[in-house]
Amino acid sequence: AIADFVSEWFLSEPLLAVIAARGIRGSFAGPRSAGTTAQLLLQAGHEGGCAAGSSVMVRGGTGSLSEALAAGARRLGAFVRVDSEVAAITVRDGRVTGVALRSGEEIRAQAVASSADPKTTFLTLMDAADVPPDFAAQIGHYRSAGTMAKLNIALSALPRVRGVSDALH
């Protein structure tokens, strides 16, 4: 478990938390879960050996990433609709032709980009007759468990961090 691993090497609780968080990032695991040290080491190896690593943070928050992607797509001629639920991806003669909305409206398109997970895209939004059986079987076994959380906190003053005397740090 990553909690045990980091506590063998470091004494500072803030440092323990930063490094241990790396072992559980993007998983359903907790710091005492088996295999989380392996996750830390795999990520460190992938990023050149830095155990603390780096997290990609988007200026303006995760919503600004979606807005930037939509703006880029619009500049290239894409039509982006965010206020309608897709009921189905339509296909004719083996090619995607657009989407059918829950409202009954159909939007024709030469291509469709789905922000849904692969299982939902190919096994729910598309007709089974339009998805090759071998591919459907593979997608049926696709594991996509993950977590995401966002917390906004309003503070009356800067937080006090134990062991840090300068409030600017």
C-alpha atoms as a PDB file:
ATOM      1  CA  ALA A   1       0.000   0.000   0.000  1.00  0.00           C
ATOM      2  CA  ILE A   2       1.258   3.471  -0.883  1.00  0.00           C
ATOM      3  CA  ALA A   3       0.590   4.736   2.673  1.00  0.00           C
ATOM      4  CA  ASP A   4       3.014   2.177   4.087  1.00  0.00           C
ATOM      5  CA  PHE A   5       5.614   2.807   1.388  1.00  0.00           C
ATOM      6  CA  VAL A   6       5.803   6.576   1.821  1.00  0.00           C
ATOM      7  CA  SER A   7       5.749   6.409   5.633  1.00  0.00           C
ATOM      8  CA  GLU A   8       8.906   4.270   5.511  1.00  0.00           C
ATOM      9  CA  TRP A   9      10.783   7.010   3.667  1.00  0.00           C
ATOM     10  CA  PHE A  10       9.349  10.375   4.730  1.00  0.00           C
ATOM     11  CA  LEU A  11       8.344  12.063   7.986  1.00  0.00           C
ATOM     12  CA  SER A  12       6.590  15.214   6.767  1.00  0.00           C
ATOM     13  CA  GLU A  13       2.820  14.638   6.603  1.00  0.00           C
ATOM     14  CA  PRO A  14       2.288  17.125   3.750  1.00  0.00           C
ATOM     15  CA  LEU A  15       5.030  15.403   1.722  1.00  0.00           C
ATOM     16  CA  LEU A  16       3.577  11.978   2.545  1.00  0.00           C
ATOM     17  CA  ALA A  17       0.193  13.146   1.275  1.00  0.00           C
ATOM     18  CA  VAL A  18       1.560  14.608  -1.965  1.00  0.00           C
ATOM     19  CA  ILE A  19       3.492  11.475  -2.879  1.00  0.00           C
ATOM     20  CA  ALA A  20       0.821   9.031  -1.690  1.00  0.00           C
ATOM     21  CA  ALA A  21      -1.830  10.873  -3.712  1.00  0.00           C
ATOM     22  CA  ARG A  22       0.130   9.944  -6.819  1.00  0.00           C
ATOM     23  CA  GLY A  23      -0.434   6.246  -6.101  1.00  0.00           C
ATOM     24  CA  ILE A  24      -4.216   6.577  -5.975  1.00  0.00           C
ATOM     25  CA  ARG A  25      -4.854   9.272  -8.581  1.00  0.00           C
ATOM     26  CA  GLY A  26      -7.430   8.194 -11.161  1.00  0.00           C
ATOM     27  CA  SER A  27      -8.434   5.005  -9.385  1.00  0.00           C
ATOM     28  CA  PHE A  28     -11.017   3.702  -6.947  1.00  0.00           C
ATOM     29  CA  ALA A  29      -8.174   2.808  -4.583  1.00  0.00           C
ATOM     30  CA  GLY A  30      -7.385   4.356  -1.231  1.00  0.00           C
ATOM     31  CA  PRO A  31      -3.923   4.913   0.264  1.00  0.00           C
ATOM     32  CA  ARG A  32      -4.107   1.568   2.106  1.00  0.00           C
ATOM     33  CA  SER A  33      -5.158  -0.394  -1.000  1.00  0.00           C
ATOM     34  CA  ALA A  34      -2.858  -3.091  -2.354  1.00  0.00           C
ATOM     35  CA  GLY A  35      -1.053  -2.219  -5.580  1.00  0.00           C
ATOM     36  CA  THR A  36      -0.994   1.518  -5.103  1.00  0.00           C
ATOM     37  CA  THR A  37       2.800   1.634  -4.719  1.00  0.00           C
ATOM     38  CA  ALA A  38       3.066  -0.110  -8.087  1.00  0.00           C
ATOM     39  CA  GLN A  39       0.844   2.622  -9.545  1.00  0.00           C
ATOM     40  CA  LEU A  40       3.176   5.290  -8.160  1.00  0.00           C
ATOM     41  CA  LEU A  41       6.257   3.537  -9.543  1.00  0.00           C
ATOM     42  CA  LEU A  42       4.679   2.997 -12.962  1.00  0.00           C
ATOM     43  CA  GLN A  43       3.764   6.673 -13.216  1.00  0.00           C
ATOM     44  CA  ALA A  44       7.213   7.723 -12.008  1.00  0.00           C
ATOM     45  CA  GLY A  45       8.878   5.504 -14.608  1.00  0.00           C
ATOM     46  CA  HIS A  46       6.647   6.852 -17.333  1.00  0.00           C
ATOM     47  CA  GLU A  47       7.485  10.450 -16.425  1.00  0.00           C
ATOM     48  CA  GLY A  48      11.238  10.055 -16.058  1.00  0.00           C
ATOM     49  CA  GLY A  49      11.543   8.938 -12.442  1.00  0.00           C
ATOM     50  CA  CYS A  50       9.958  11.816 -10.556  1.00  0.00           C
ATOM     51  CA  ALA A  51       8.027  10.193  -7.702  1.00  0.00           C
ATOM     52  CA  ALA A  52       6.089  13.339  -6.832  1.00  0.00           C
ATOM     53  CA  GLY A  53       5.295  13.866 -10.494  1.00  0.00           C
ATOM     54  CA  SER A  54       3.125  16.538 -11.877  1.00  0.00           C
ATOM     55  CA  SER A  55      -0.559  16.883 -12.394  1.00  0.00           C
ATOM     56  CA  VAL A  56      -1.908  18.604 -15.436  1.00  0.00           C
ATOM     57  CA  MET A  57      -4.057  21.472 -14.298  1.00  0.00           C
ATOM     58  CA  VAL A  58      -6.119  23.501 -16.703  1.00  0.00           C
ATOM     59  CA  ARG A  59      -6.184  27.258 -16.184  1.00  0.00           C
ATOM     60  CA  GLY A  60      -9.779  28.171 -15.380  1.00  0.00           C
ATOM     61  CA  GLY A  61     -10.702  24.628 -14.294  1.00  0.00           C
ATOM     62  CA  THR A  62     -11.922  21.568 -16.160  1.00  0.00           C
ATOM     63  CA  GLY A  63     -14.845  23.459 -17.681  1.00  0.00           C
ATOM     64  CA  SER A  64     -12.466  25.773 -19.512  1.00  0.00           C
ATOM     65  CA  LEU A  65     -10.891  22.756 -21.232  1.00  0.00           C
ATOM     66  CA  SER A  66     -14.297  21.704 -22.582  1.00  0.00           C
ATOM     67  CA  GLU A  67     -14.973  25.262 -23.726  1.00  0.00           C
ATOM     68  CA  ALA A  68     -11.587  25.496 -25.476  1.00  0.00           C
ATOM     69  CA  LEU A  69     -12.177  22.176 -27.268  1.00  0.00           C
ATOM     70  CA  ALA A  70     -15.653  23.297 -28.368  1.00  0.00           C
ATOM     71  CA  ALA A  71     -14.307  26.657 -29.601  1.00  0.00           C
ATOM     72  CA  GLY A  72     -11.595  24.896 -31.591  1.00  0.00           C
ATOM     73  CA  ALA A  73     -14.121  22.508 -33.106  1.00  0.00           C
ATOM     74  CA  ARG A  74     -16.425  25.398 -34.048  1.00  0.00           C
ATOM     75  CA  ARG A  75     -13.530  27.201 -35.766  1.00  0.00           C
ATOM     76  CA  LEU A  76     -13.105  24.076 -37.904  1.00  0.00           C
ATOM     77  CA  GLY A  77     -16.787  24.038 -38.829  1.00  0.00           C
ATOM     78  CA  ALA A  78     -18.192  21.689 -36.199  1.00  0.00           C
ATOM     79  CA  PHE A  79     -21.648  22.179 -34.728  1.00  0.00           C
ATOM     80  CA  VAL A  80     -21.621  21.794 -30.947  1.00  0.00           C
ATOM     81  CA  ARG A  81     -24.876  21.373 -29.037  1.00  0.00           C
ATOM     82  CA  VAL A  82     -24.726  20.990 -25.251  1.00  0.00           C
ATOM     83  CA  ASP A  83     -28.366  21.316 -24.255  1.00  0.00           C
ATOM     84  CA  SER A  84     -29.820  18.196 -25.883  1.00  0.00           C
ATOM     85  CA  GLU A  85     -29.633  14.525 -24.957  1.00  0.00           C
ATOM     86  CA  VAL A  86     -28.633  12.124 -27.721  1.00  0.00           C
ATOM     87  CA  ALA A  87     -30.909   9.108 -28.063  1.00  0.00           C
ATOM     88  CA  ALA A  88     -28.996   7.388 -30.860  1.00  0.00           C
ATOM     89  CA  ILE A  89     -26.142   7.706 -33.314  1.00  0.00           C
ATOM     90  CA  THR A  90     -27.661   7.190 -36.739  1.00  0.00           C
ATOM     91  CA  VAL A  91     -26.013   4.967 -39.344  1.00  0.00           C
ATOM     92  CA  ARG A  92     -26.836   4.256 -42.988  1.00  0.00           C
ATOM     93  CA  ASP A  93     -25.008   1.860 -45.294  1.00  0.00           C
ATOM     94  CA  GLY A  94     -22.312   1.313 -42.665  1.00  0.00           C
ATOM     95  CA  ARG A  95     -21.536   5.025 -42.182  1.00  0.00           C
ATOM     96  CA  VAL A  96     -22.504   7.388 -39.381  1.00  0.00           C
ATOM     97  CA  THR A  97     -25.029   9.923 -40.644  1.00  0.00           C
ATOM     98  CA  GLY A  98     -25.678  11.977 -37.507  1.00  0.00           C
ATOM     99  CA  VAL A  99     -27.569  11.784 -34.229  1.00  0.00           C
ATOM    100  CA  ALA A 100     -31.180  11.448 -33.140  1.00  0.00           C
ATOM    101  CA  LEU A 101     -32.049  13.546 -30.096  1.00  0.00           C
ATOM    102  CA  ARG A 102     -34.478  12.564 -27.332  1.00  0.00           C
ATOM    103  CA  SER A 103     -36.615  15.522 -28.462  1.00  0.00           C
ATOM    104  CA  GLY A 104     -37.182  13.722 -31.773  1.00  0.00           C
ATOM    105  CA  GLU A 105     -34.957  16.095 -33.752  1.00  0.00           C
ATOM    106  CA  GLU A 106     -32.333  14.567 -36.037  1.00  0.00           C
ATOM    107  CA  ILE A 107     -29.047  16.279 -36.767  1.00  0.00           C
ATOM    108  CA  ARG A 108     -27.252  15.109 -39.910  1.00  0.00           C
ATOM    109  CA  ALA A 109     -23.446  15.044 -39.904  1.00  0.00           C
ATOM    110  CA  GLN A 110     -20.530  13.497 -41.798  1.00  0.00           C
ATOM    111  CA  ALA A 111     -18.871  12.636 -38.488  1.00  0.00           C
ATOM    112  CA  VAL A 112     -19.943  12.401 -34.843  1.00  0.00           C
ATOM    113  CA  ALA A 113     -17.630  12.860 -31.862  1.00  0.00           C
ATOM    114  CA  SER A 114     -18.974  11.173 -28.737  1.00  0.00           C
ATOM    115  CA  SER A 115     -18.012  12.322 -25.263  1.00  0.00           C
ATOM    116  CA  ALA A 116     -19.684   9.235 -23.788  1.00  0.00           C
ATOM    117  CA  ASP A 117     -17.614   6.244 -22.708  1.00  0.00           C
ATOM    118  CA  PRO A 118     -16.978   3.538 -25.358  1.00  0.00           C
ATOM    119  CA  LYS A 119     -19.587   1.144 -23.937  1.00  0.00           C
ATOM    120  CA  THR A 120     -22.325   3.766 -24.054  1.00  0.00           C
ATOM    121  CA  THR A 121     -21.256   4.994 -27.490  1.00  0.00           C
ATOM    122  CA  PHE A 122     -21.105   1.603 -29.237  1.00  0.00           C
ATOM    123  CA  LEU A 123     -23.470  -0.578 -27.202  1.00  0.00           C
ATOM    124  CA  THR A 124     -26.219   1.882 -26.221  1.00  0.00           C
ATOM    125  CA  LEU A 125     -26.263   4.785 -28.673  1.00  0.00           C
ATOM    126  CA  MET A 126     -25.642   2.630 -31.758  1.00  0.00           C
ATOM    127  CA  ASP A 127     -27.858  -0.147 -33.071  1.00  0.00           C
ATOM    128  CA  ALA A 128     -26.307  -3.578 -32.476  1.00  0.00           C
ATOM    129  CA  ALA A 129     -26.657  -4.342 -36.211  1.00  0.00           C
ATOM    130  CA  ASP A 130     -24.279  -1.432 -36.974  1.00  0.00           C
ATOM    131  CA  VAL A 131     -21.465  -2.613 -34.674  1.00  0.00           C
ATOM    132  CA  PRO A 132     -19.351  -5.588 -35.806  1.00  0.00           C
ATOM    133  CA  PRO A 133     -19.896  -8.510 -33.362  1.00  0.00           C
ATOM    134  CA  ASP A 134     -16.183  -8.988 -32.567  1.00  0.00           C
ATOM    135  CA  PHE A 135     -15.797  -5.272 -31.827  1.00  0.00           C
ATOM    136  CA  ALA A 136     -18.974  -5.258 -29.708  1.00  0.00           C
ATOM    137  CA  ALA A 137     -17.579  -8.186 -27.672  1.00  0.00           C
ATOM    138  CA  GLN A 138     -14.309  -6.322 -27.109  1.00  0.00           C
ATOM    139  CA  ILE A 139     -16.096  -3.127 -26.073  1.00  0.00           C
ATOM    140  CA  GLY A 140     -18.312  -5.184 -23.764  1.00  0.00           C
ATOM    141  CA  HIS A 141     -15.168  -6.175 -21.842  1.00  0.00           C
ATOM    142  CA  TYR A 142     -13.755  -2.640 -21.798  1.00  0.00           C
ATOM    143  CA  ARG A 143     -13.122  -1.522 -18.220  1.00  0.00           C
ATOM    144  CA  SER A 144     -13.547   2.174 -17.640  1.00  0.00           C
ATOM    145  CA  ALA A 145     -13.905   2.614 -13.903  1.00  0.00           C
ATOM    146  CA  GLY A 146     -12.547   5.902 -12.641  1.00  0.00           C
ATOM    147  CA  THR A 147     -13.258   8.777 -10.331  1.00  0.00           C
ATOM    148  CA  MET A 148     -13.416  12.532 -10.565  1.00  0.00           C
ATOM    149  CA  ALA A 149     -14.216  15.004  -7.866  1.00  0.00           C
ATOM    150  CA  LYS A 150     -14.225  18.764  -7.681  1.00  0.00           C
ATOM    151  CA  LEU A 151     -14.576  20.758  -4.511  1.00  0.00           C
ATOM    152  CA  ASN A 152     -14.917  24.540  -4.360  1.00  0.00           C
ATOM    153  CA  ILE A 153     -14.243  26.059  -0.964  1.00  0.00           C
ATOM    154  CA  ALA A 154     -14.683  29.674   0.120  1.00  0.00           C
ATOM    155  CA  LEU A 155     -12.314  30.667   2.918  1.00  0.00           C
ATOM    156  CA  SER A 156     -12.373  33.712   5.154  1.00  0.00           C
ATOM    157  CA  ALA A 157      -8.550  33.726   5.254  1.00  0.00           C
ATOM    158  CA  LEU A 158      -5.558  31.832   3.887  1.00  0.00           C
ATOM    159  CA  PRO A 159      -5.215  28.369   5.418  1.00  0.00           C
ATOM    160  CA  ARG A 160      -2.529  27.790   8.036  1.00  0.00           C
ATOM    161  CA  VAL A 161      -0.255  24.902   7.139  1.00  0.00           C
ATOM    162  CA  ARG A 162       1.564  23.219  10.006  1.00  0.00           C
ATOM    163  CA  GLY A 163       5.316  23.539   9.563  1.00  0.00           C
ATOM    164  CA  VAL A 164       5.097  26.449   7.120  1.00  0.00           C
ATOM    165  CA  SER A 165       5.734  29.824   8.732  1.00  0.00           C
ATOM    166  CA  ASP A 166       5.420  32.087   5.701  1.00  0.00           C
ATOM    167  CA  ALA A 167       1.758  32.416   4.701  1.00  0.00           C
ATOM    168  CA  LEU A 168       2.771  33.187   1.094  1.00  0.00           C
ATOM    169  CA  HIS A 169       4.109  29.641   0.724  1.00  0.00           C
END
